[in-house]
Amino acid sequence: MFEFVQPIQTLNAAAIVPRPTLITILLALVLPSIGILIGATLARVLTPREYSVEKLDRYEAGNPPYGRARGFFPMQYYPYLIIFLTVEPVMIYLFLVLMALHESTIAVGLLFVGLSVLLALPLVFALDSARRLKYWIMREV
């Protein structure tokens, strides 16, 4: 009656994953683990144990620190971040759009105008933010 139904066979690990693949997976897990253990052991054995004050001291650009450790940095990076994160990718898209200008002039021209408007909005905001002098004035913390 149900000839298209085949009997259920019991599955074992070798039937699910072939033996060469299983060996490859085990090697991919075991060999890096052994390498990490050997590297950690060599690092522990070969590194010196004596720590000096100079090694634990804080340095700024290779020199001992001088003055206050923290202070206000009078530069506003937000407008530049906007410029580089929005203008640069859109400029790449504009270049790619102009490469296809010979195929469909009207559609590509409209796309170019749309991308230019899309580019102009964050650019105007970023340049306006960069011109605000109140962000550039040094303040006391």
N, C-alpha and C. Protein backbone atom coordinates (compact mmCIF):
# COMPACT_ATOMS: atom_id res chain seq x y z
N MET A 1 0.81 -1.19 0.00
CA MET A 1 0.00 0.00 0.00
C MET A 1 0.87 1.26 0.00
N PHE A 2 1.81 1.37 0.93
CA PHE A 2 2.70 2.53 1.00
C PHE A 2 4.09 2.10 0.54
N GLU A 3 4.25 1.92 -0.72
CA GLU A 3 5.53 1.45 -1.23
C GLU A 3 6.57 2.55 -1.28
N PHE A 4 6.14 3.80 -1.32
CA PHE A 4 7.11 4.89 -1.42
C PHE A 4 7.77 5.21 -0.07
N VAL A 5 7.24 4.69 1.02
CA VAL A 5 7.83 4.92 2.34
C VAL A 5 8.92 3.89 2.56
N GLN A 6 10.11 4.39 2.87
CA GLN A 6 11.22 3.48 3.11
C GLN A 6 11.39 3.30 4.62
N PRO A 7 11.90 2.17 5.01
CA PRO A 7 12.07 1.93 6.45
C PRO A 7 13.11 2.89 7.04
N ILE A 8 12.89 3.23 8.29
CA ILE A 8 13.80 4.13 9.01
C ILE A 8 15.03 3.34 9.42
N GLN A 9 16.19 3.91 9.10
CA GLN A 9 17.43 3.25 9.48
C GLN A 9 18.02 3.98 10.69
N THR A 10 18.72 3.25 11.49
CA THR A 10 19.37 3.89 12.62
C THR A 10 20.60 4.64 12.12
N LEU A 11 20.80 5.82 12.64
CA LEU A 11 21.91 6.65 12.22
C LEU A 11 23.01 6.62 13.26
N ASN A 12 24.22 6.54 12.82
CA ASN A 12 25.35 6.65 13.73
C ASN A 12 26.19 7.85 13.30
N ALA A 13 27.20 8.17 14.07
CA ALA A 13 28.01 9.36 13.78
C ALA A 13 28.73 9.25 12.44
N ALA A 14 29.14 8.06 12.07
CA ALA A 14 29.84 7.88 10.80
C ALA A 14 28.91 8.10 9.62
N ALA A 15 27.63 7.83 9.81
CA ALA A 15 26.68 8.03 8.72
C ALA A 15 26.36 9.52 8.55
N ILE A 16 26.37 10.27 9.64
CA ILE A 16 26.06 11.70 9.56
C ILE A 16 27.26 12.46 9.01
N VAL A 17 28.43 12.25 9.60
CA VAL A 17 29.64 12.93 9.16
C VAL A 17 30.61 11.86 8.68
N PRO A 18 31.03 11.92 7.44
CA PRO A 18 31.99 10.92 6.95
C PRO A 18 33.30 11.00 7.73
N ARG A 19 33.99 9.87 7.81
CA ARG A 19 35.19 9.78 8.62
C ARG A 19 36.28 10.78 8.22
N PRO A 20 36.59 10.99 6.93
CA PRO A 20 37.63 12.00 6.61
C PRO A 20 37.24 13.41 7.08
N THR A 21 35.97 13.75 6.99
CA THR A 21 35.53 15.06 7.45
C THR A 21 35.64 15.16 8.97
N LEU A 22 35.31 14.09 9.66
CA LEU A 22 35.41 14.06 11.12
C LEU A 22 36.86 14.22 11.56
N ILE A 23 37.77 13.57 10.87
CA ILE A 23 39.20 13.70 11.18
C ILE A 23 39.66 15.13 10.93
N THR A 24 39.20 15.72 9.84
CA THR A 24 39.58 17.10 9.52
C THR A 24 39.08 18.05 10.60
N ILE A 25 37.85 17.88 11.05
CA ILE A 25 37.30 18.74 12.09
C ILE A 25 38.08 18.58 13.39
N LEU A 26 38.39 17.35 13.75
CA LEU A 26 39.16 17.12 14.98
C LEU A 26 40.56 17.75 14.87
N LEU A 27 41.20 17.60 13.72
CA LEU A 27 42.52 18.21 13.54
C LEU A 27 42.43 19.73 13.58
N ALA A 28 41.36 20.29 13.03
CA ALA A 28 41.20 21.74 13.04
C ALA A 28 40.97 22.27 14.45
N LEU A 29 40.46 21.45 15.34
CA LEU A 29 40.25 21.88 16.72
C LEU A 29 41.44 21.54 17.62
N VAL A 30 42.06 20.38 17.39
CA VAL A 30 43.12 19.91 18.27
C VAL A 30 44.45 20.61 17.98
N LEU A 31 44.85 20.73 16.72
CA LEU A 31 46.15 21.32 16.40
C LEU A 31 46.27 22.78 16.85
N PRO A 32 45.29 23.64 16.62
CA PRO A 32 45.43 25.00 17.16
C PRO A 32 45.47 25.04 18.68
N SER A 33 44.73 24.15 19.33
CA SER A 33 44.76 24.10 20.80
C SER A 33 46.15 23.72 21.30
N ILE A 34 46.76 22.75 20.64
CA ILE A 34 48.12 22.35 21.02
C ILE A 34 49.09 23.50 20.77
N GLY A 35 48.95 24.20 19.65
CA GLY A 35 49.81 25.35 19.34
C GLY A 35 49.67 26.45 20.37
N ILE A 36 48.45 26.73 20.79
CA ILE A 36 48.22 27.76 21.81
C ILE A 36 48.85 27.35 23.14
N LEU A 37 48.71 26.09 23.52
CA LEU A 37 49.32 25.62 24.77
C LEU A 37 50.84 25.70 24.72
N ILE A 38 51.43 25.31 23.58
CA ILE A 38 52.89 25.38 23.45
C ILE A 38 53.35 26.84 23.50
N GLY A 39 52.64 27.72 22.80
CA GLY A 39 53.00 29.14 22.81
C GLY A 39 52.88 29.76 24.19
N ALA A 40 51.82 29.44 24.91
CA ALA A 40 51.63 29.98 26.26
C ALA A 40 52.71 29.46 27.21
N THR A 41 53.06 28.18 27.07
CA THR A 41 54.10 27.61 27.92
C THR A 41 55.46 28.25 27.64
N LEU A 42 55.80 28.42 26.35
CA LEU A 42 57.06 29.07 26.00
C LEU A 42 57.10 30.51 26.48
N ALA A 43 56.00 31.22 26.36
CA ALA A 43 55.95 32.60 26.83
C ALA A 43 56.14 32.67 28.34
N ARG A 44 55.56 31.74 29.04
CA ARG A 44 55.69 31.72 30.50
C ARG A 44 57.12 31.39 30.92
N VAL A 45 57.77 30.47 30.20
CA VAL A 45 59.12 30.05 30.57
C VAL A 45 60.17 31.08 30.17
N LEU A 46 60.03 31.68 28.99
CA LEU A 46 61.09 32.53 28.45
C LEU A 46 61.02 33.99 28.87
N THR A 47 59.90 34.47 29.35
CA THR A 47 59.81 35.89 29.70
C THR A 47 60.41 36.13 31.09
N PRO A 48 61.03 37.31 31.27
CA PRO A 48 61.62 37.61 32.58
C PRO A 48 60.54 37.87 33.62
N ARG A 49 60.89 37.59 34.86
CA ARG A 49 59.94 37.74 35.96
C ARG A 49 60.18 39.01 36.78
N GLU A 50 61.28 39.70 36.56
CA GLU A 50 61.56 40.89 37.36
C GLU A 50 60.91 42.10 36.71
N TYR A 51 60.10 42.79 37.47
CA TYR A 51 59.44 43.98 36.97
C TYR A 51 60.06 45.20 37.63
N SER A 52 60.34 46.21 36.84
CA SER A 52 60.91 47.44 37.37
C SER A 52 59.85 48.53 37.36
N VAL A 53 60.15 49.62 38.04
CA VAL A 53 59.23 50.75 38.09
C VAL A 53 59.05 51.34 36.70
N GLU A 54 60.13 51.38 35.92
CA GLU A 54 60.05 51.95 34.58
C GLU A 54 59.11 51.16 33.67
N LYS A 55 59.09 49.84 33.86
CA LYS A 55 58.22 49.03 33.01
C LYS A 55 56.75 49.21 33.37
N LEU A 56 56.47 49.46 34.63
CA LEU A 56 55.09 49.60 35.05
C LEU A 56 54.61 51.04 35.01
N ASP A 57 55.52 52.00 34.78
CA ASP A 57 55.16 53.41 34.77
C ASP A 57 54.45 53.76 33.47
N ARG A 58 53.65 54.80 33.54
CA ARG A 58 52.89 55.26 32.38
C ARG A 58 53.74 56.21 31.55
N TYR A 59 53.66 56.05 30.22
CA TYR A 59 54.40 56.92 29.31
C TYR A 59 53.45 57.51 28.30
N GLU A 60 53.76 58.73 27.87
CA GLU A 60 53.00 59.39 26.82
C GLU A 60 53.94 59.65 25.66
N ALA A 61 53.73 58.98 24.56
CA ALA A 61 54.56 59.11 23.36
C ALA A 61 56.03 58.82 23.68
N GLY A 62 56.29 57.86 24.54
CA GLY A 62 57.65 57.47 24.85
C GLY A 62 58.32 58.30 25.92
N ASN A 63 57.64 59.29 26.46
CA ASN A 63 58.22 60.17 27.47
C ASN A 63 57.46 60.03 28.78
N PRO A 64 58.14 60.31 29.90
CA PRO A 64 57.42 60.30 31.17
C PRO A 64 56.33 61.38 31.16
N PRO A 65 55.21 61.13 31.83
CA PRO A 65 54.12 62.11 31.80
C PRO A 65 54.52 63.41 32.50
N TYR A 66 53.98 64.50 31.99
CA TYR A 66 54.27 65.82 32.54
C TYR A 66 52.96 66.57 32.69
N GLY A 67 52.68 67.11 33.84
CA GLY A 67 51.47 67.89 34.05
C GLY A 67 50.26 67.00 34.30
N ARG A 68 49.08 67.58 34.04
CA ARG A 68 47.83 66.85 34.25
C ARG A 68 47.70 65.71 33.25
N ALA A 69 47.11 64.63 33.70
CA ALA A 69 46.95 63.48 32.82
C ALA A 69 45.77 63.66 31.88
N ARG A 70 44.76 64.37 32.32
CA ARG A 70 43.58 64.56 31.48
C ARG A 70 43.29 66.04 31.33
N GLY A 71 42.79 66.38 30.18
CA GLY A 71 42.43 67.77 29.93
C GLY A 71 41.50 67.84 28.74
N PHE A 72 40.97 69.01 28.49
CA PHE A 72 40.06 69.20 27.37
C PHE A 72 40.86 69.39 26.10
N PHE A 73 40.55 68.62 25.09
CA PHE A 73 41.22 68.75 23.81
C PHE A 73 40.37 69.64 22.92
N PRO A 74 40.85 70.83 22.58
CA PRO A 74 39.99 71.82 21.95
C PRO A 74 39.78 71.59 20.45
N MET A 75 39.33 70.44 20.08
CA MET A 75 39.06 70.18 18.67
C MET A 75 37.81 69.33 18.59
N GLN A 76 36.96 69.68 17.69
CA GLN A 76 35.71 68.97 17.57
C GLN A 76 35.79 68.01 16.38
N TYR A 77 35.72 66.73 16.67
CA TYR A 77 35.85 65.73 15.62
C TYR A 77 34.53 65.35 14.97
N TYR A 78 33.43 65.70 15.59
CA TYR A 78 32.13 65.27 15.08
C TYR A 78 31.87 65.73 13.64
N PRO A 79 32.11 66.99 13.29
CA PRO A 79 31.88 67.38 11.88
C PRO A 79 32.77 66.62 10.91
N TYR A 80 34.00 66.37 11.29
CA TYR A 80 34.90 65.64 10.40
C TYR A 80 34.46 64.19 10.28
N LEU A 81 33.95 63.64 11.36
CA LEU A 81 33.41 62.29 11.30
C LEU A 81 32.24 62.21 10.34
N ILE A 82 31.37 63.19 10.41
CA ILE A 82 30.23 63.23 9.48
C ILE A 82 30.73 63.35 8.04
N ILE A 83 31.70 64.22 7.84
CA ILE A 83 32.21 64.41 6.47
C ILE A 83 32.79 63.10 5.94
N PHE A 84 33.63 62.45 6.71
CA PHE A 84 34.29 61.26 6.19
C PHE A 84 33.37 60.05 6.12
N LEU A 85 32.38 59.97 7.00
CA LEU A 85 31.49 58.81 6.96
C LEU A 85 30.35 58.96 5.97
N THR A 86 30.03 60.18 5.56
CA THR A 86 28.94 60.36 4.59
C THR A 86 29.43 60.81 3.24
N VAL A 87 30.35 61.74 3.21
CA VAL A 87 30.76 62.31 1.93
C VAL A 87 31.59 61.31 1.13
N GLU A 88 32.50 60.63 1.78
CA GLU A 88 33.38 59.73 1.03
C GLU A 88 32.61 58.58 0.36
N PRO A 89 31.73 57.85 1.06
CA PRO A 89 30.99 56.79 0.35
C PRO A 89 30.09 57.33 -0.76
N VAL A 90 29.46 58.48 -0.52
CA VAL A 90 28.59 59.04 -1.56
C VAL A 90 29.41 59.47 -2.76
N MET A 91 30.61 59.98 -2.53
CA MET A 91 31.48 60.35 -3.65
C MET A 91 31.86 59.12 -4.47
N ILE A 92 32.07 58.00 -3.82
CA ILE A 92 32.37 56.76 -4.55
C ILE A 92 31.16 56.35 -5.38
N TYR A 93 29.96 56.45 -4.80
CA TYR A 93 28.76 56.13 -5.57
C TYR A 93 28.57 57.10 -6.73
N LEU A 94 28.87 58.37 -6.52
CA LEU A 94 28.76 59.33 -7.62
C LEU A 94 29.73 58.99 -8.74
N PHE A 95 30.92 58.57 -8.40
CA PHE A 95 31.88 58.17 -9.42
C PHE A 95 31.36 56.96 -10.20
N LEU A 96 30.80 55.98 -9.49
CA LEU A 96 30.25 54.81 -10.17
C LEU A 96 29.06 55.17 -11.04
N VAL A 97 28.24 56.10 -10.57
CA VAL A 97 27.09 56.55 -11.36
C VAL A 97 27.57 57.23 -12.63
N LEU A 98 28.56 58.08 -12.52
CA LEU A 98 29.06 58.77 -13.70
C LEU A 98 29.72 57.82 -14.69
N MET A 99 30.21 56.69 -14.21
CA MET A 99 30.78 55.70 -15.13
C MET A 99 29.70 55.09 -16.02
N ALA A 100 28.46 55.05 -15.52
CA ALA A 100 27.35 54.46 -16.28
C ALA A 100 26.54 55.51 -17.02
N LEU A 101 27.04 56.71 -17.14
CA LEU A 101 26.29 57.81 -17.75
C LEU A 101 25.99 57.56 -19.22
N HIS A 102 26.83 56.86 -19.92
CA HIS A 102 26.64 56.65 -21.35
C HIS A 102 25.52 55.66 -21.66
N GLU A 103 25.09 54.85 -20.69
CA GLU A 103 24.07 53.84 -20.95
C GLU A 103 22.66 54.42 -20.90
N SER A 104 22.33 55.12 -19.84
CA SER A 104 20.99 55.68 -19.69
C SER A 104 21.14 57.08 -19.11
N THR A 105 21.16 58.05 -19.97
CA THR A 105 21.53 59.40 -19.57
C THR A 105 20.53 60.02 -18.60
N ILE A 106 19.24 59.89 -18.86
CA ILE A 106 18.23 60.54 -18.01
C ILE A 106 18.19 59.89 -16.63
N ALA A 107 18.12 58.56 -16.59
CA ALA A 107 18.05 57.86 -15.30
C ALA A 107 19.31 58.10 -14.47
N VAL A 108 20.45 58.02 -15.12
CA VAL A 108 21.70 58.23 -14.40
C VAL A 108 21.84 59.69 -13.97
N GLY A 109 21.37 60.61 -14.79
CA GLY A 109 21.40 62.03 -14.41
C GLY A 109 20.54 62.31 -13.20
N LEU A 110 19.34 61.71 -13.17
CA LEU A 110 18.47 61.88 -12.00
C LEU A 110 19.09 61.26 -10.74
N LEU A 111 19.70 60.11 -10.92
CA LEU A 111 20.38 59.47 -9.79
C LEU A 111 21.54 60.33 -9.30
N PHE A 112 22.27 60.94 -10.23
CA PHE A 112 23.38 61.82 -9.86
C PHE A 112 22.88 63.03 -9.08
N VAL A 113 21.78 63.62 -9.52
CA VAL A 113 21.22 64.78 -8.82
C VAL A 113 20.74 64.36 -7.42
N GLY A 114 20.07 63.21 -7.33
CA GLY A 114 19.60 62.73 -6.03
C GLY A 114 20.74 62.45 -5.07
N LEU A 115 21.79 61.82 -5.55
CA LEU A 115 22.94 61.55 -4.69
C LEU A 115 23.66 62.84 -4.31
N SER A 116 23.68 63.81 -5.20
CA SER A 116 24.31 65.10 -4.88
C SER A 116 23.54 65.81 -3.77
N VAL A 117 22.22 65.77 -3.82
CA VAL A 117 21.41 66.37 -2.75
C VAL A 117 21.63 65.60 -1.45
N LEU A 118 21.67 64.28 -1.57
CA LEU A 118 21.93 63.46 -0.39
C LEU A 118 23.29 63.78 0.21
N LEU A 119 24.24 64.11 -0.62
CA LEU A 119 25.58 64.46 -0.16
C LEU A 119 25.62 65.86 0.43
N ALA A 120 24.84 66.76 -0.11
CA ALA A 120 24.91 68.16 0.30
C ALA A 120 24.37 68.37 1.72
N LEU A 121 23.34 67.65 2.11
CA LEU A 121 22.73 67.87 3.42
C LEU A 121 23.69 67.61 4.58
N PRO A 122 24.31 66.44 4.69
CA PRO A 122 25.25 66.26 5.81
C PRO A 122 26.50 67.12 5.67
N LEU A 123 26.88 67.44 4.44
CA LEU A 123 28.05 68.29 4.25
C LEU A 123 27.81 69.70 4.78
N VAL A 124 26.63 70.25 4.52
CA VAL A 124 26.29 71.58 5.04
C VAL A 124 26.23 71.55 6.56
N PHE A 125 25.62 70.51 7.13
CA PHE A 125 25.54 70.40 8.59
C PHE A 125 26.93 70.29 9.20
N ALA A 126 27.79 69.47 8.61
CA ALA A 126 29.13 69.28 9.16
C ALA A 126 29.96 70.55 9.07
N LEU A 127 29.87 71.24 7.95
CA LEU A 127 30.63 72.48 7.82
C LEU A 127 30.10 73.56 8.77
N ASP A 128 28.79 73.60 8.98
CA ASP A 128 28.22 74.55 9.93
C ASP A 128 28.68 74.21 11.35
N SER A 129 28.70 72.93 11.69
CA SER A 129 29.16 72.53 13.03
C SER A 129 30.64 72.83 13.22
N ALA A 130 31.42 72.68 12.18
CA ALA A 130 32.86 72.95 12.30
C ALA A 130 33.14 74.44 12.46
N ARG A 131 32.25 75.29 11.94
CA ARG A 131 32.46 76.74 12.03
C ARG A 131 32.04 77.33 13.37
N ARG A 132 31.33 76.60 14.19
CA ARG A 132 30.88 77.13 15.48
C ARG A 132 32.06 77.24 16.43
N LEU A 133 32.42 78.46 16.73
CA LEU A 133 33.62 78.70 17.53
C LEU A 133 33.45 78.32 18.99
N LYS A 134 32.22 78.25 19.47
CA LYS A 134 32.04 77.93 20.89
C LYS A 134 32.51 76.51 21.21
N TYR A 135 32.56 75.64 20.21
CA TYR A 135 33.06 74.29 20.45
C TYR A 135 34.58 74.24 20.47
N TRP A 136 35.22 75.26 19.93
CA TRP A 136 36.67 75.26 19.81
C TRP A 136 37.35 76.00 20.96
N ILE A 137 36.59 76.70 21.78
CA ILE A 137 37.17 77.50 22.86
C ILE A 137 37.54 76.58 24.02
N MET A 138 38.71 76.80 24.58
CA MET A 138 39.19 75.99 25.69
C MET A 138 38.35 76.28 26.92
N ARG A 139 37.93 75.25 27.61
CA ARG A 139 37.15 75.44 28.84
C ARG A 139 37.88 74.77 30.00
N GLU A 140 37.60 75.23 31.17
CA GLU A 140 38.20 74.66 32.37
C GLU A 140 37.39 73.45 32.81
N VAL A 141 38.08 72.41 33.18
CA VAL A 141 37.41 71.19 33.62
C VAL A 141 37.43 71.12 35.12
